[in-house]
Amino acid sequence: MNPEYLLTAFIVCVVPGLGVIYTLSSTLGGGMRAGLWAALGCTIATVMHMLVAMAGLAALLHASAVLFQVVKFAGVAYLLWMAWGALQGSGGLQFGAGRPMPAGRLVWRGIMLNLLNPKLPIFFMAFLPQFLPAGAGLGALVELGLGFTGMTFAVFAIYAGLAASGRDALLASERAMRWMRRIFAASFAMLGLKLAVSRA
C-alpha cells in the first residue's frame, strides 16, 4: 500500500475529532477496555461511511439538501445529548465509581456518534480517489478502505492507552474529574455546533 496514503490517513486520524473525544472520555470513564470498545464502535461507523462512499450514495447525500439536513440535525441532537451526559457524569461518562457500561452500549454509541455525521461519506468520496492508480478497480478501492480502517482503530487505541495511563491520577482528584467532565461536555457541544453550521 502507498506509504504516502498511510501517512495521510494517519494525519487525518490523529487530528482530535469526535471519535478521539469519545474514545478518551470512555477510557477515563471505564478504563482501557472501555476505550477499546469505544474505538471499535467509531471504527465500525467509519467502515459504514466508507461503504456508502464506495457505493456512490455520498453523491446522493450531497445532492439532496433535505436528506443532508435530516441526518445532520439528528447528529447535532445526539452530540448535545452526549454533552449533557458528560456534564452530568452520566451514561458512559461516569468517571470512577459505578458499574462499567456494557461493551455493546459503548460500541453502539461510538457507531451512532459517527454515523450521524453526513460529512464523512462525502469526505471519503473526495479523499480516496486521490490515491487510486490509473485504471484501478474495486479491489484497489477496498484495499485503501481497509488501510484507513486499520489506521483508524490503531490511532484510537493509542489515544485510549494514553488516557488509561493517566486515569488513576485523574480519578484521585475530584477537582480534576469535575474539569474533565466540563471539557468533554464543551467538546461534544462544540462539535455539535460545528456540525450544525456545516454545509453539504
Protein backbone atom coordinates (compact mmCIF):
# COMPACT_ATOMS: atom_id res chain seq x y z
CA MET A 1 0.00 0.00 0.00
CA ASN A 2 1.17 3.52 -0.85
CA PRO A 3 3.21 4.88 2.13
CA GLU A 4 2.03 8.39 1.23
CA TYR A 5 -1.56 7.22 1.63
CA LEU A 6 -0.86 5.62 5.02
CA LEU A 7 0.88 8.77 6.25
CA THR A 8 -2.02 10.94 5.10
CA ALA A 9 -4.53 8.57 6.71
CA PHE A 10 -2.54 8.70 9.96
CA ILE A 11 -2.60 12.52 9.96
CA VAL A 12 -6.35 12.54 9.27
CA CYS A 13 -7.00 10.05 12.10
CA VAL A 14 -4.68 11.60 14.68
CA VAL A 15 -6.26 15.07 14.49
CA PRO A 16 -8.62 15.21 17.52
CA GLY A 17 -12.22 14.88 16.44
CA LEU A 18 -15.41 13.22 17.60
CA GLY A 19 -14.02 9.68 17.61
CA VAL A 20 -10.95 10.70 19.59
CA ILE A 21 -13.01 12.63 22.15
CA TYR A 22 -15.42 9.72 22.60
CA THR A 23 -12.57 7.22 22.95
CA LEU A 24 -10.77 9.39 25.52
CA SER A 25 -13.92 10.02 27.57
CA SER A 26 -14.86 6.33 27.52
CA THR A 27 -11.36 5.33 28.63
CA LEU A 28 -11.39 7.79 31.51
CA GLY A 29 -14.86 6.58 32.42
CA GLY A 30 -14.24 2.84 32.28
CA GLY A 31 -10.57 2.13 31.68
CA MET A 32 -8.61 0.73 28.74
CA ARG A 33 -11.18 -1.95 27.95
CA ALA A 34 -13.97 0.61 27.63
CA GLY A 35 -11.75 2.79 25.45
CA LEU A 36 -11.05 -0.07 23.06
CA TRP A 37 -14.76 -0.88 22.75
CA ALA A 38 -15.46 2.80 22.04
CA ALA A 39 -12.70 2.82 19.43
CA LEU A 40 -14.23 -0.28 17.82
CA GLY A 41 -17.62 1.44 17.57
CA CYS A 42 -16.11 4.52 15.94
CA THR A 43 -14.17 2.30 13.52
CA ILE A 44 -17.28 0.34 12.54
CA ALA A 45 -19.03 3.63 11.74
CA THR A 46 -16.04 4.65 9.63
CA VAL A 47 -16.34 1.41 7.65
CA MET A 48 -20.07 2.03 7.11
CA HIS A 49 -19.42 5.55 5.86
CA MET A 50 -16.71 4.25 3.57
CA LEU A 51 -19.06 1.64 2.11
CA VAL A 52 -21.63 4.38 1.49
CA ALA A 53 -18.99 6.42 -0.32
CA MET A 54 -17.88 3.42 -2.37
CA ALA A 55 -21.46 2.73 -3.39
CA GLY A 56 -21.81 6.29 -4.61
CA LEU A 57 -24.53 7.16 -2.09
CA ALA A 58 -22.44 10.06 -0.86
CA ALA A 59 -23.21 11.81 -4.13
CA LEU A 60 -26.93 11.42 -3.43
CA LEU A 61 -26.47 12.74 0.10
CA HIS A 62 -24.54 15.67 -1.29
CA ALA A 63 -27.22 16.39 -3.90
CA SER A 64 -30.21 16.06 -1.56
CA ALA A 65 -30.33 19.09 0.73
CA VAL A 66 -33.28 17.70 2.69
CA LEU A 67 -31.62 14.33 3.35
CA PHE A 68 -28.38 16.02 4.36
CA GLN A 69 -30.19 18.33 6.82
CA VAL A 70 -32.17 15.47 8.39
CA VAL A 71 -29.06 13.38 9.04
CA LYS A 72 -27.08 16.42 10.16
CA PHE A 73 -29.53 17.63 12.78
CA ALA A 74 -30.04 14.11 14.10
CA GLY A 75 -26.28 14.10 14.66
CA VAL A 76 -26.39 17.54 16.30
CA ALA A 77 -29.09 16.40 18.71
CA TYR A 78 -27.11 13.28 19.61
CA LEU A 79 -23.95 15.28 20.24
CA LEU A 80 -25.76 17.73 22.50
CA TRP A 81 -27.26 14.80 24.39
CA MET A 82 -23.75 13.39 24.85
CA ALA A 83 -22.58 16.82 26.04
CA TRP A 84 -25.31 16.88 28.69
CA GLY A 85 -24.41 13.35 29.77
CA ALA A 86 -20.74 14.30 30.09
CA LEU A 87 -21.58 17.37 32.17
CA GLN A 88 -23.79 15.32 34.49
CA GLY A 89 -21.32 12.43 34.65
CA SER A 90 -23.99 10.00 33.44
CA GLY A 91 -24.14 7.16 30.95
CA GLY A 92 -20.80 6.12 29.55
CA LEU A 93 -19.08 9.15 31.05
CA GLN A 94 -19.30 8.16 34.71
CA PHE A 95 -15.77 8.73 35.96
CA GLY A 96 -14.71 6.26 38.60
CA ALA A 97 -17.31 4.50 40.67
CA GLY A 98 -20.31 2.62 39.40
CA ARG A 99 -20.97 -0.38 37.24
CA PRO A 100 -18.98 -0.26 33.97
CA MET A 101 -21.01 0.31 30.83
CA PRO A 102 -21.63 -2.86 28.79
CA ALA A 103 -19.38 -3.33 25.79
CA GLY A 104 -22.34 -3.40 23.42
CA ARG A 105 -23.56 0.01 24.54
CA LEU A 106 -20.09 1.53 24.21
CA VAL A 107 -19.79 0.18 20.68
CA TRP A 108 -23.33 1.31 19.78
CA ARG A 109 -22.71 4.86 20.99
CA GLY A 110 -19.49 5.02 19.01
CA ILE A 111 -21.34 3.88 15.90
CA MET A 112 -24.19 6.36 16.37
CA LEU A 113 -21.95 9.33 17.11
CA ASN A 114 -20.00 8.89 13.90
CA LEU A 115 -22.81 7.50 11.74
CA LEU A 116 -24.87 10.68 12.17
CA ASN A 117 -22.19 12.84 10.55
CA PRO A 118 -23.19 13.25 6.89
CA LYS A 119 -19.86 14.89 6.07
CA LEU A 120 -17.89 11.63 6.44
CA PRO A 121 -19.08 9.78 3.33
CA ILE A 122 -18.60 12.99 1.33
CA PHE A 123 -15.08 13.24 2.76
CA PHE A 124 -14.26 9.68 1.68
CA MET A 125 -15.77 10.35 -1.74
CA ALA A 126 -13.24 13.15 -2.20
CA PHE A 127 -10.31 11.60 -0.28
CA LEU A 128 -9.93 8.04 -1.57
CA PRO A 129 -9.81 8.66 -5.36
CA GLN A 130 -6.70 10.83 -4.94
CA PHE A 131 -4.68 7.70 -4.12
CA LEU A 132 -6.12 5.34 -6.73
CA PRO A 133 -3.69 4.48 -9.55
CA ALA A 134 -4.88 4.92 -13.12
CA GLY A 135 -7.14 2.10 -14.23
CA ALA A 136 -7.58 0.76 -10.68
CA GLY A 137 -10.64 -1.35 -9.95
CA LEU A 138 -12.79 -2.11 -6.94
CA GLY A 139 -10.03 -4.20 -5.35
CA ALA A 140 -7.71 -1.19 -5.05
CA LEU A 141 -10.53 0.88 -3.53
CA VAL A 142 -11.27 -1.84 -0.99
CA GLU A 143 -7.55 -2.01 -0.12
CA LEU A 144 -7.49 1.73 0.58
CA GLY A 145 -10.61 1.38 2.70
CA LEU A 146 -9.11 -1.44 4.76
CA GLY A 147 -5.93 0.56 5.26
CA PHE A 148 -7.85 3.57 6.52
CA THR A 149 -9.98 1.37 8.80
CA GLY A 150 -6.92 -0.26 10.35
CA MET A 151 -5.26 3.11 10.83
CA THR A 152 -8.40 4.49 12.48
CA PHE A 153 -8.56 1.73 15.10
CA ALA A 154 -4.79 1.82 15.73
CA VAL A 155 -4.77 5.58 16.36
CA PHE A 156 -7.83 5.43 18.62
CA ALA A 157 -6.26 2.55 20.56
CA ILE A 158 -3.14 4.67 21.11
CA TYR A 159 -5.31 7.51 22.43
CA ALA A 160 -7.06 5.01 24.73
CA GLY A 161 -3.70 3.81 26.04
CA LEU A 162 -2.54 7.36 26.75
CA ALA A 163 -5.78 8.14 28.59
CA ALA A 164 -5.61 4.90 30.57
CA SER A 165 -2.05 5.66 31.71
CA GLY A 166 -3.17 8.88 33.42
CA ARG A 167 -6.61 7.69 34.54
CA ASP A 168 -5.73 6.82 38.15
CA ALA A 169 -4.19 10.23 38.80
CA LEU A 170 -7.26 11.99 37.42
CA LEU A 171 -9.70 9.83 39.38
CA ALA A 172 -7.85 10.64 42.59
CA SER A 173 -8.77 14.32 42.24
CA GLU A 174 -12.42 15.38 42.42
CA ARG A 175 -11.48 18.78 41.02
CA ALA A 176 -9.72 17.19 38.03
CA MET A 177 -12.73 14.95 37.35
CA ARG A 178 -15.07 17.94 37.50
CA TRP A 179 -12.96 19.80 34.95
CA MET A 180 -12.70 16.74 32.73
CA ARG A 181 -16.50 16.48 32.64
CA ARG A 182 -16.71 20.15 31.67
CA ILE A 183 -14.03 19.78 28.98
CA PHE A 184 -15.70 16.75 27.38
CA ALA A 185 -19.15 18.38 27.59
CA ALA A 186 -17.81 21.51 25.91
CA SER A 187 -16.04 19.40 23.25
CA PHE A 188 -19.19 17.46 22.35
CA ALA A 189 -21.24 20.69 22.31
CA MET A 190 -18.72 22.49 20.08
CA LEU A 191 -18.63 19.56 17.66
CA GLY A 192 -22.43 19.64 17.60
CA LEU A 193 -22.45 23.36 16.80
CA LYS A 194 -19.77 22.86 14.15
CA LEU A 195 -21.89 20.15 12.53
CA ALA A 196 -25.00 22.36 12.78
CA VAL A 197 -23.44 25.11 10.64
CA SER A 198 -21.80 22.73 8.14
CA ARG A 199 -22.97 22.56 4.55
CA ALA A 200 -23.02 19.69 2.13
